[in-house]
Amino acid sequence: MTSIAEFDNGKRHTKKGNDRFTNTLIPVLRESATSMYQSGFDVDVYLICHYPVSTERYRQVLAALPSHESGNANTVEVSLTVWDEATPIGYAVEHSTRSIMNVTRGLARQHRYVIKDKLLHYDMFVAYEDDMVVHGAQVQQYRNVSDALYRLRQAAPSRLDNTYTIAEMNRQFHGPMTATQLSRMIPGWIRVEVALDGWKPKRTLELPIPRDFRWNETGEEVSLDPSICCQIGVTSSNAHMPSAPHIEDLYFWETTIDALHLRKMPEIPFSQLDWVVLQAGNTEDWYEDTKFIVGRYWSGTDGYFGHQQDPPDSTLSHYINNQGGWMATRRQLHEWHSRWCLGGFLPPYDPPKFHFDGLDSRSVEYWSGGIQIVGVKACNLQRIIPLQPQIFARHLLYHASNNKQRQRTVQARSAFTKIQDLWGQLNTVRKNAEQAIRKERDEFGQ
C-alpha cells in the first residue's frame, strides 16, 4: 500500500487537516487485510509512505491487522513492514543538475523495488493506493480468471488456420484464439464510488443503448451484488465509507460505453470465461501479425451512436479506467517484464525507454493506476472482465475516499454513470452479438 499524505491538504475536495491516516488508510487497510486473511491467504503488508511514520502510527497499523489471542497477548497474523520517507529524490528541472527535490509522483514507483526484492517470496502481489479497498474474494477472482486464461493458452494453437487480414481479424469476436492473443489478456477492474447522502451527479450521459437486465430470456431481471466490492465491516465503516451500499448507489466515471467492446471466449471445460468486456487503453494498431490481434464486437456496431461509425481512440486517458493499483501473479510479472513491457516492468529503469531512472514526466497513474500495464508504448495488455452478472460484480473496486464525485474538475470532464446501467447496456450488446453469430452460422449452414 502506498500513501502520499498523512493529513489531507484540502485539494481534490478533501477537508484540509483531516487525519487521512486514521480516517482512510487504517479502515481501508483493516478491511482489505482482514478480508484477504479470512479468505485463506497468507498476507504480508508493506506500507510505503511519503511522510515519517511515528511509533504511534506504527502501532495504529499493527492494531488494524488480523490477530488472535495467545495467552495474555494478541499475536498479529499479518506481518508488517514500513518504508517511510520513501519518496525518491530527483532533479528539480529535467536536464539541469543545479537543484534536487522530492519527486512525489515517483512515490508511486517505489513499490516496484519492494516487489522485485521479494519476487521469489510470494506467488501473488497486490499493490494499491491507500484508499482502494481490495477484498479477498477479488484477489481470488483475479487468480481464477488468470488460471482460466492459462488453461486456454495451453489448448490454443500458435496460429489460426485462416487467411484473415488485420482488419478482418479485428472483427473476429468469437471462435478460436492463438496462444499469443490469450497471453496478452489479463483480468481487469472498474473503480466505483458510493454516492454519499445528498449527492447527485451534475453531469450524466444519455444512455443510447437500451438496458437489458435479464441475463437469460426466461429469467428475472438481475441486480449486481454490491457487497463483493463495497460492503465494509462495522469496525472499518465511517461517515465517508458506508457499510452496506445499494447497487443503485454505485457509480463509475473513468470510461464510457462507446469505448468498450465484447468478445466471446473459446470454450474449455470448467472455465468461467464466456462473454467478456474488453476494456480500453491498449491498441491493436501496433501489430502487423494477426496472431497478436484480439478481435472484438464494438458496442456501437448496431448503430446506437448515430453518425459515430467507428470506435473512439481507446488510448485516450478518459477511457482507460485508472484502477488505483494493480495485482499480478509471479508468473505474470515475469512475462510482463520479459516479454510485453517495453523497457521492462520491474527496475532498473534504464534508457532508452526510461530516463532519470523513471523519474521523468511519468504520472502516478502510470506506475500505480495500471496505465503502464495497458498503455501504448508500454505493455499494451488487454484487460478483460467476464460479463456474467455474478462474476462482473467481482471486478468492481471500491474507491473508498468517495471524493471524485465531489471534485469539480472530475465532474467537468467525466460523466458519472450507475454501474448497474453500464452492465445492462453491455448485456444488450452481448445479445446483439449472439444474434450476429446465429445469423453468420445460418448463412454458412453451420
Protein backbone atom coordinates (compact mmCIF):
# COMPACT_ATOMS: atom_id res chain seq x y z
CA MET A 1 0.00 0.00 0.00
CA THR A 2 1.27 3.45 -0.95
CA SER A 3 0.36 6.63 0.97
CA ILE A 4 1.31 10.15 -0.09
CA ALA A 5 -0.39 12.16 2.68
CA GLU A 6 -0.72 11.66 6.42
CA PHE A 7 -3.22 14.54 6.55
CA ASP A 8 -5.44 15.81 3.74
CA ASN A 9 -4.35 19.13 2.23
CA GLY A 10 -7.79 20.33 1.13
CA LYS A 11 -7.20 19.65 -2.55
CA ARG A 12 -9.39 17.30 -4.63
CA HIS A 13 -12.34 18.15 -2.43
CA THR A 14 -10.81 16.80 0.76
CA LYS A 15 -11.04 18.53 4.14
CA LYS A 16 -7.80 20.30 5.00
CA GLY A 17 -6.24 18.87 8.13
CA ASN A 18 -8.35 15.71 8.12
CA ASP A 19 -6.38 12.82 9.61
CA ARG A 20 -6.22 10.73 6.45
CA PHE A 21 -4.05 8.12 8.13
CA THR A 22 -6.68 7.39 10.78
CA ASN A 23 -9.85 8.00 8.77
CA THR A 24 -8.93 6.46 5.41
CA LEU A 25 -5.71 4.42 5.42
CA ILE A 26 -6.42 2.48 8.63
CA PRO A 27 -10.03 1.48 7.74
CA VAL A 28 -9.04 0.53 4.19
CA LEU A 29 -6.06 -1.50 5.35
CA ARG A 30 -8.07 -3.20 8.09
CA GLU A 31 -10.87 -4.11 5.70
CA SER A 32 -8.57 -5.36 2.93
CA ALA A 33 -6.04 -7.28 5.04
CA THR A 34 -8.72 -8.90 7.20
CA SER A 35 -10.74 -9.96 4.17
CA MET A 36 -7.71 -11.46 2.43
CA TYR A 37 -6.63 -13.27 5.59
CA GLN A 38 -10.11 -14.66 6.19
CA SER A 39 -10.19 -15.83 2.56
CA GLY A 40 -7.28 -18.14 3.31
CA PHE A 41 -4.36 -16.09 2.03
CA ASP A 42 -1.09 -15.70 3.94
CA VAL A 43 -0.77 -11.92 3.97
CA ASP A 44 2.24 -9.65 4.49
CA VAL A 45 1.77 -5.87 4.39
CA TYR A 46 4.34 -3.42 3.04
CA LEU A 47 3.36 0.19 3.74
CA ILE A 48 5.21 2.77 1.63
CA CYS A 49 4.81 6.37 2.82
CA HIS A 50 5.99 9.81 1.76
CA TYR A 51 5.99 11.02 5.37
CA PRO A 52 7.73 9.73 8.51
CA VAL A 53 5.70 7.09 10.35
CA SER A 54 5.87 7.58 14.10
CA THR A 55 5.85 4.79 16.66
CA GLU A 56 2.26 5.70 17.48
CA ARG A 57 1.25 5.42 13.82
CA TYR A 58 3.06 2.11 13.52
CA ARG A 59 1.09 0.78 16.48
CA GLN A 60 -2.12 2.02 14.83
CA VAL A 61 -1.37 -0.10 11.79
CA LEU A 62 -0.49 -3.16 13.86
CA ALA A 63 -3.75 -2.83 15.78
CA ALA A 64 -5.67 -2.79 12.48
CA LEU A 65 -4.21 -6.09 11.25
CA PRO A 66 -5.76 -9.50 11.95
CA SER A 67 -4.61 -11.03 15.24
CA HIS A 68 -5.56 -13.75 17.69
CA GLU A 69 -5.29 -14.08 21.44
CA SER A 70 -2.27 -16.04 22.65
CA GLY A 71 -2.10 -16.27 26.41
CA ASN A 72 -2.29 -12.74 27.75
CA ALA A 73 -1.34 -11.06 24.48
CA ASN A 74 -2.55 -10.71 20.91
CA THR A 75 -0.43 -12.22 18.16
CA VAL A 76 -0.55 -10.41 14.82
CA GLU A 77 -1.29 -12.85 12.00
CA VAL A 78 -0.20 -10.48 9.23
CA SER A 79 3.38 -9.21 9.15
CA LEU A 80 4.08 -5.50 8.65
CA THR A 81 6.99 -3.71 7.04
CA VAL A 82 7.01 0.10 6.81
CA TRP A 83 9.15 2.07 4.37
CA ASP A 84 8.62 5.67 5.39
CA GLU A 85 10.06 8.83 3.81
CA ALA A 86 10.24 6.69 0.69
CA THR A 87 9.80 9.44 -1.91
CA PRO A 88 12.69 9.43 -4.39
CA ILE A 89 14.86 12.49 -4.91
CA GLY A 90 15.45 13.84 -8.39
CA TYR A 91 16.48 16.95 -10.26
CA ALA A 92 14.07 19.83 -9.88
CA VAL A 93 14.31 20.56 -13.60
CA GLU A 94 14.97 17.94 -16.24
CA HIS A 95 18.38 18.28 -17.91
CA SER A 96 19.59 20.51 -15.06
CA THR A 97 21.68 19.30 -12.11
CA ARG A 98 21.64 22.57 -10.17
CA SER A 99 18.98 21.57 -7.62
CA ILE A 100 17.18 18.48 -6.36
CA MET A 101 13.76 17.89 -4.83
CA ASN A 102 11.36 15.20 -3.70
CA VAL A 103 9.70 13.73 -6.79
CA THR A 104 6.37 12.99 -5.14
CA ARG A 105 4.83 11.42 -8.23
CA GLY A 106 7.74 8.96 -8.08
CA LEU A 107 6.48 7.59 -4.77
CA ALA A 108 4.07 5.54 -6.88
CA ARG A 109 7.11 3.85 -8.47
CA GLN A 110 8.64 2.63 -5.21
CA HIS A 111 6.50 -0.48 -4.76
CA ARG A 112 8.25 -1.94 -7.80
CA TYR A 113 11.54 -2.10 -5.85
CA VAL A 114 9.87 -3.94 -2.99
CA ILE A 115 8.25 -6.39 -5.40
CA LYS A 116 11.49 -7.10 -7.24
CA ASP A 117 13.29 -7.65 -3.94
CA LYS A 118 10.58 -10.06 -2.75
CA LEU A 119 9.72 -11.65 -6.08
CA LEU A 120 10.65 -15.18 -5.02
CA HIS A 121 8.99 -14.86 -1.60
CA TYR A 122 5.38 -14.66 -2.82
CA ASP A 123 3.17 -16.03 -5.57
CA MET A 124 0.71 -13.09 -5.60
CA PHE A 125 1.30 -9.33 -5.40
CA VAL A 126 -1.38 -6.72 -4.67
CA ALA A 127 -0.24 -3.08 -4.96
CA TYR A 128 -2.79 -0.33 -4.34
CA GLU A 129 -3.17 3.24 -3.17
CA ASP A 130 -4.27 3.89 0.40
CA ASP A 131 -7.94 4.50 -0.44
CA MET A 132 -8.62 1.38 -2.52
CA VAL A 133 -10.48 -1.47 -0.81
CA VAL A 134 -9.48 -4.88 -2.16
CA HIS A 135 -11.32 -7.87 -0.71
CA GLY A 136 -10.06 -11.43 -0.57
CA ALA A 137 -12.80 -12.59 -2.93
CA GLN A 138 -11.45 -10.18 -5.53
CA VAL A 139 -7.89 -11.48 -5.20
CA GLN A 140 -9.25 -14.99 -5.66
CA GLN A 141 -11.31 -13.84 -8.64
CA TYR A 142 -8.19 -12.41 -10.27
CA ARG A 143 -6.45 -15.74 -9.77
CA ASN A 144 -9.45 -17.66 -11.15
CA VAL A 145 -9.56 -15.63 -14.37
CA SER A 146 -5.77 -15.79 -14.73
CA ASP A 147 -5.86 -19.58 -14.33
CA ALA A 148 -8.66 -19.86 -16.92
CA LEU A 149 -6.60 -17.82 -19.38
CA TYR A 150 -3.58 -20.07 -18.82
CA ARG A 151 -5.67 -23.18 -19.48
CA LEU A 152 -6.94 -21.63 -22.70
CA ARG A 153 -3.37 -20.84 -23.73
CA GLN A 154 -2.30 -24.44 -23.20
CA ALA A 155 -5.04 -25.62 -25.55
CA ALA A 156 -4.59 -22.85 -28.14
CA PRO A 157 -2.67 -23.05 -31.43
CA SER A 158 0.26 -20.77 -32.20
CA ARG A 159 -1.52 -19.67 -35.38
CA LEU A 160 -5.05 -19.89 -36.72
CA ASP A 161 -5.82 -21.74 -39.92
CA ASN A 162 -7.17 -18.79 -41.84
CA THR A 163 -6.10 -16.03 -44.20
CA TYR A 164 -7.67 -13.10 -42.39
CA THR A 165 -6.30 -9.65 -42.98
CA ILE A 166 -5.57 -7.48 -39.96
CA ALA A 167 -8.84 -5.60 -40.48
CA GLU A 168 -10.77 -8.87 -40.68
CA MET A 169 -9.07 -10.24 -37.57
CA ASN A 170 -10.10 -7.13 -35.63
CA ARG A 171 -13.73 -8.04 -36.38
CA GLN A 172 -13.45 -11.72 -35.38
CA PHE A 173 -15.13 -11.50 -31.99
CA HIS A 174 -15.69 -15.22 -31.47
CA GLY A 175 -14.07 -18.52 -32.33
CA PRO A 176 -10.57 -19.91 -31.72
CA MET A 177 -7.75 -17.72 -30.42
CA THR A 178 -3.99 -18.05 -30.59
CA ALA A 179 -1.83 -18.58 -27.52
CA THR A 180 -0.31 -15.16 -28.19
CA GLN A 181 -3.68 -13.40 -28.18
CA LEU A 182 -4.59 -15.09 -24.90
CA SER A 183 -1.23 -14.26 -23.33
CA ARG A 184 -2.00 -10.56 -23.85
CA MET A 185 -5.15 -10.86 -21.74
CA ILE A 186 -5.31 -10.15 -18.01
CA PRO A 187 -8.22 -9.64 -15.57
CA GLY A 188 -9.39 -6.03 -15.36
CA TRP A 189 -11.15 -3.76 -12.87
CA ILE A 190 -13.56 -0.83 -12.80
CA ARG A 191 -13.33 1.65 -9.94
CA VAL A 192 -16.60 2.71 -8.35
CA GLU A 193 -17.67 5.15 -5.68
CA VAL A 194 -20.68 5.08 -3.39
CA ALA A 195 -22.98 8.08 -3.74
CA LEU A 196 -22.93 9.76 -0.35
CA ASP A 197 -26.03 11.27 1.25
CA GLY A 198 -27.36 14.23 -0.72
CA TRP A 199 -25.12 13.73 -3.77
CA LYS A 200 -26.42 13.51 -7.31
CA PRO A 201 -24.33 13.60 -10.49
CA LYS A 202 -24.21 17.05 -12.08
CA ARG A 203 -23.36 15.58 -15.45
CA THR A 204 -24.64 12.31 -16.81
CA LEU A 205 -24.55 10.76 -20.23
CA GLU A 206 -27.61 9.81 -22.19
CA LEU A 207 -27.96 6.06 -22.44
CA PRO A 208 -28.23 5.45 -26.20
CA ILE A 209 -28.05 1.68 -25.70
CA PRO A 210 -31.13 0.15 -24.04
CA ARG A 211 -30.54 -1.55 -20.71
CA ASP A 212 -31.38 -5.24 -20.52
CA PHE A 213 -31.12 -6.68 -17.02
CA ARG A 214 -32.17 -10.21 -17.97
CA TRP A 215 -29.17 -12.47 -18.47
CA ASN A 216 -31.40 -15.29 -19.70
CA GLU A 217 -34.57 -14.59 -21.66
CA THR A 218 -36.61 -16.76 -19.29
CA GLY A 219 -35.04 -15.35 -16.15
CA GLU A 220 -35.78 -12.41 -13.91
CA GLU A 221 -34.02 -9.07 -14.00
CA VAL A 222 -30.60 -9.22 -12.38
CA SER A 223 -29.05 -6.76 -9.94
CA LEU A 224 -25.30 -6.80 -9.42
CA ASP A 225 -24.16 -7.69 -5.91
CA PRO A 226 -22.53 -4.60 -4.33
CA SER A 227 -21.33 -6.45 -1.24
CA ILE A 228 -18.39 -8.08 -3.01
CA CYS A 229 -16.62 -4.80 -3.67
CA CYS A 230 -18.14 -2.34 -1.31
CA GLN A 231 -19.52 -3.87 1.88
CA ILE A 232 -17.41 -2.57 4.75
CA GLY A 233 -17.16 -4.16 8.19
CA VAL A 234 -18.56 -2.31 11.19
CA THR A 235 -15.08 -1.65 12.59
CA SER A 236 -13.94 -0.06 9.30
CA SER A 237 -17.00 1.89 8.11
CA ASN A 238 -17.38 5.60 8.82
CA ALA A 239 -19.17 8.68 7.51
CA HIS A 240 -17.47 8.61 4.10
CA MET A 241 -17.31 4.79 3.89
CA PRO A 242 -20.86 3.47 4.42
CA SER A 243 -21.05 -0.18 5.42
CA ALA A 244 -23.67 -1.64 3.06
CA PRO A 245 -24.37 0.46 -0.06
CA HIS A 246 -27.13 -0.39 -2.53
CA ILE A 247 -26.20 -1.22 -6.13
CA GLU A 248 -28.11 1.85 -7.35
CA ASP A 249 -25.65 3.99 -5.37
CA LEU A 250 -22.53 2.68 -7.13
CA TYR A 251 -21.17 4.99 -9.85
CA PHE A 252 -18.20 4.83 -12.21
CA TRP A 253 -16.65 7.73 -14.11
CA GLU A 254 -13.46 6.62 -15.87
CA THR A 255 -14.75 5.29 -19.17
CA THR A 256 -17.88 5.33 -21.35
CA ILE A 257 -19.85 2.62 -23.12
CA ASP A 258 -18.78 3.75 -26.60
CA ALA A 259 -15.14 2.86 -25.82
CA LEU A 260 -15.93 -0.73 -24.83
CA HIS A 261 -16.06 -3.96 -26.81
CA LEU A 262 -17.09 -7.55 -26.18
CA ARG A 263 -15.51 -10.88 -27.04
CA LYS A 264 -16.80 -14.45 -26.80
CA MET A 265 -14.01 -16.59 -25.41
CA PRO A 266 -13.18 -20.09 -26.67
CA GLU A 267 -14.86 -22.83 -24.68
CA ILE A 268 -13.00 -25.27 -22.44
CA PRO A 269 -14.36 -27.41 -19.57
CA PHE A 270 -14.82 -25.73 -16.18
CA SER A 271 -13.99 -22.24 -17.47
CA GLN A 272 -15.89 -19.21 -16.16
CA LEU A 273 -14.92 -17.29 -19.29
CA ASP A 274 -17.72 -16.85 -21.80
CA TRP A 275 -18.52 -13.31 -22.92
CA VAL A 276 -16.02 -10.75 -21.65
CA VAL A 277 -15.72 -6.98 -21.76
CA LEU A 278 -12.58 -5.70 -23.47
CA GLN A 279 -11.55 -2.57 -21.60
CA ALA A 280 -9.95 0.45 -23.21
CA GLY A 281 -6.35 1.65 -23.01
CA ASN A 282 -4.39 -0.61 -25.33
CA THR A 283 -4.35 -0.66 -29.12
CA GLU A 284 -4.24 -3.32 -31.82
CA ASP A 285 -2.63 -0.87 -34.25
CA TRP A 286 0.84 -1.86 -33.06
CA TYR A 287 0.71 -5.26 -34.64
CA GLU A 288 1.39 -6.32 -38.21
CA ASP A 289 0.79 -10.01 -37.47
CA THR A 290 -2.74 -11.30 -36.93
CA LYS A 291 -1.64 -13.75 -34.22
CA PHE A 292 -1.44 -10.80 -31.78
CA ILE A 293 -4.77 -9.16 -32.57
CA VAL A 294 -7.73 -9.70 -30.25
CA GLY A 295 -10.91 -9.39 -32.33
CA ARG A 296 -13.87 -7.58 -30.82
CA TYR A 297 -17.52 -6.59 -31.14
CA TRP A 298 -17.87 -2.85 -30.67
CA SER A 299 -20.73 -1.56 -28.54
CA GLY A 300 -21.71 0.78 -31.40
CA THR A 301 -21.85 -1.90 -34.09
CA ASP A 302 -25.64 -1.78 -34.22
CA GLY A 303 -25.89 1.96 -34.83
CA TYR A 304 -26.57 3.17 -31.30
CA PHE A 305 -24.28 6.18 -31.61
CA GLY A 306 -25.81 7.78 -34.69
CA HIS A 307 -23.20 9.23 -37.02
CA GLN A 308 -20.34 7.74 -34.99
CA GLN A 309 -19.40 4.84 -37.24
CA ASP A 310 -16.14 3.85 -35.59
CA PRO A 311 -14.95 3.38 -32.01
CA PRO A 312 -13.21 6.34 -30.39
CA ASP A 313 -9.48 6.28 -29.71
CA SER A 314 -9.43 3.92 -26.74
CA THR A 315 -5.95 5.07 -25.70
CA LEU A 316 -7.26 8.46 -24.56
CA SER A 317 -6.96 8.94 -20.81
CA HIS A 318 -10.68 9.44 -20.12
CA TYR A 319 -11.46 5.95 -21.43
CA ILE A 320 -8.71 3.96 -19.75
CA ASN A 321 -10.18 3.07 -16.33
CA ASN A 322 -7.46 4.04 -13.88
CA GLN A 323 -7.51 1.21 -11.34
CA GLY A 324 -5.85 2.88 -8.34
CA GLY A 325 -3.42 -0.03 -8.30
CA TRP A 326 -2.88 -3.47 -9.78
CA MET A 327 -2.31 -7.10 -8.89
CA ALA A 328 -0.39 -9.90 -10.55
CA THR A 329 0.89 -13.40 -10.03
CA ARG A 330 4.64 -14.01 -10.01
CA ARG A 331 4.34 -15.75 -13.36
CA GLN A 332 2.55 -12.75 -14.86
CA LEU A 333 5.21 -10.38 -13.56
CA HIS A 334 7.90 -12.44 -15.26
CA GLU A 335 6.01 -12.43 -18.56
CA TRP A 336 5.22 -8.73 -18.40
CA HIS A 337 8.80 -7.82 -17.61
CA SER A 338 10.49 -10.12 -20.10
CA ARG A 339 8.01 -10.21 -22.97
CA TRP A 340 5.40 -7.47 -23.09
CA CYS A 341 6.51 -4.28 -21.35
CA LEU A 342 8.87 -2.05 -23.32
CA GLY A 343 11.81 -1.28 -21.06
CA GLY A 344 10.61 -3.86 -18.53
CA PHE A 345 8.10 -3.76 -15.70
CA LEU A 346 10.48 -4.02 -12.75
CA PRO A 347 13.63 -1.97 -12.11
CA PRO A 348 16.14 -0.89 -13.19
CA TYR A 349 14.52 1.73 -15.41
CA ASP A 350 17.20 2.46 -17.96
CA PRO A 351 17.42 4.30 -21.30
CA PRO A 352 16.28 4.35 -23.99
CA LYS A 353 12.77 3.61 -22.72
CA PHE A 354 13.22 5.35 -19.36
CA HIS A 355 15.05 8.49 -18.35
CA PHE A 356 16.18 9.65 -14.90
CA ASP A 357 15.52 6.13 -13.58
CA GLY A 358 11.85 6.55 -14.44
CA LEU A 359 11.58 9.90 -12.64
CA ASP A 360 10.76 11.84 -15.78
CA SER A 361 7.26 13.07 -16.54
CA ARG A 362 5.55 9.73 -15.85
CA SER A 363 2.49 10.19 -13.70
CA VAL A 364 1.25 8.45 -10.59
CA GLU A 365 -1.30 6.70 -12.79
CA TYR A 366 1.48 5.28 -14.96
CA TRP A 367 3.02 3.42 -12.04
CA SER A 368 0.10 2.63 -9.74
CA GLY A 369 -3.02 3.15 -11.82
CA GLY A 370 -2.42 0.46 -14.40
CA ILE A 371 -1.55 2.87 -17.23
CA GLN A 372 1.80 1.20 -17.89
CA ILE A 373 0.17 -2.22 -17.95
CA VAL A 374 -2.33 -1.33 -20.68
CA GLY A 375 -0.77 1.74 -22.23
CA VAL A 376 0.55 2.29 -25.71
CA LYS A 377 4.35 2.06 -25.94
CA ALA A 378 4.32 0.35 -22.56
CA CYS A 379 2.89 -3.17 -22.01
CA ASN A 380 -0.22 -2.87 -24.22
CA LEU A 381 -2.01 -5.71 -22.42
CA GLN A 382 -5.73 -6.30 -22.86
CA ARG A 383 -7.84 -6.23 -19.70
CA ILE A 384 -10.97 -8.34 -19.67
CA ILE A 385 -13.98 -8.59 -17.34
CA PRO A 386 -16.35 -11.58 -17.52
CA LEU A 387 -19.86 -10.32 -18.23
CA GLN A 388 -21.87 -12.87 -16.23
CA PRO A 389 -23.54 -10.72 -13.55
CA GLN A 390 -22.38 -12.73 -10.54
CA ILE A 391 -18.79 -12.52 -11.83
CA PHE A 392 -18.84 -8.97 -13.26
CA ALA A 393 -19.56 -7.65 -9.75
CA ARG A 394 -16.32 -9.19 -8.51
CA HIS A 395 -14.37 -6.90 -10.83
CA LEU A 396 -15.54 -3.65 -9.22
CA LEU A 397 -13.06 -1.91 -6.92
CA TYR A 398 -14.18 0.50 -4.22
CA HIS A 399 -12.53 3.94 -4.24
CA ALA A 400 -13.18 4.50 -0.55
CA SER A 401 -12.27 8.19 -0.45
CA ASN A 402 -15.50 8.81 -2.36
CA ASN A 403 -14.11 12.19 -3.34
CA LYS A 404 -14.19 12.02 -7.15
CA GLN A 405 -17.94 12.63 -7.05
CA ARG A 406 -17.28 15.99 -5.35
CA GLN A 407 -14.35 17.18 -7.48
CA ARG A 408 -15.37 19.91 -9.91
CA THR A 409 -12.58 19.09 -12.36
CA VAL A 410 -13.65 15.44 -12.49
CA GLN A 411 -17.31 16.35 -12.90
CA ALA A 412 -16.41 18.78 -15.69
CA ARG A 413 -14.64 16.17 -17.81
CA SER A 414 -16.36 12.95 -16.76
CA ALA A 415 -19.91 11.73 -16.52
CA PHE A 416 -20.91 9.64 -13.52
CA THR A 417 -22.98 6.63 -14.50
CA LYS A 418 -24.53 3.88 -12.43
CA ILE A 419 -22.54 0.67 -12.78
CA GLN A 420 -25.82 -1.27 -12.91
CA ASP A 421 -26.81 0.73 -16.01
CA LEU A 422 -23.47 0.02 -17.69
CA TRP A 423 -23.90 -3.70 -17.14
CA GLY A 424 -27.43 -3.56 -18.57
CA GLN A 425 -26.14 -1.83 -21.70
CA LEU A 426 -23.30 -4.31 -22.12
CA ASN A 427 -25.80 -7.13 -21.76
CA THR A 428 -27.82 -5.65 -24.64
CA VAL A 429 -24.66 -5.57 -26.76
CA ARG A 430 -23.98 -9.21 -25.83
CA LYS A 431 -27.39 -10.29 -27.07
CA ASN A 432 -26.86 -8.37 -30.31
CA ALA A 433 -23.51 -10.12 -30.78
CA GLU A 434 -25.08 -13.52 -30.12
CA GLN A 435 -27.70 -12.76 -32.76
CA ALA A 436 -24.91 -11.84 -35.19
CA ILE A 437 -23.26 -15.22 -34.53
CA ARG A 438 -26.52 -17.05 -35.19
CA LYS A 439 -27.03 -15.13 -38.42
CA GLU A 440 -23.48 -15.89 -39.52
CA ARG A 441 -23.95 -19.60 -38.85
CA ASP A 442 -27.25 -19.65 -40.72
CA GLU A 443 -25.62 -18.02 -43.74
CA PHE A 444 -22.82 -20.59 -43.79
CA GLY A 445 -25.11 -23.51 -42.95
CA GLN A 446 -23.39 -24.33 -39.68
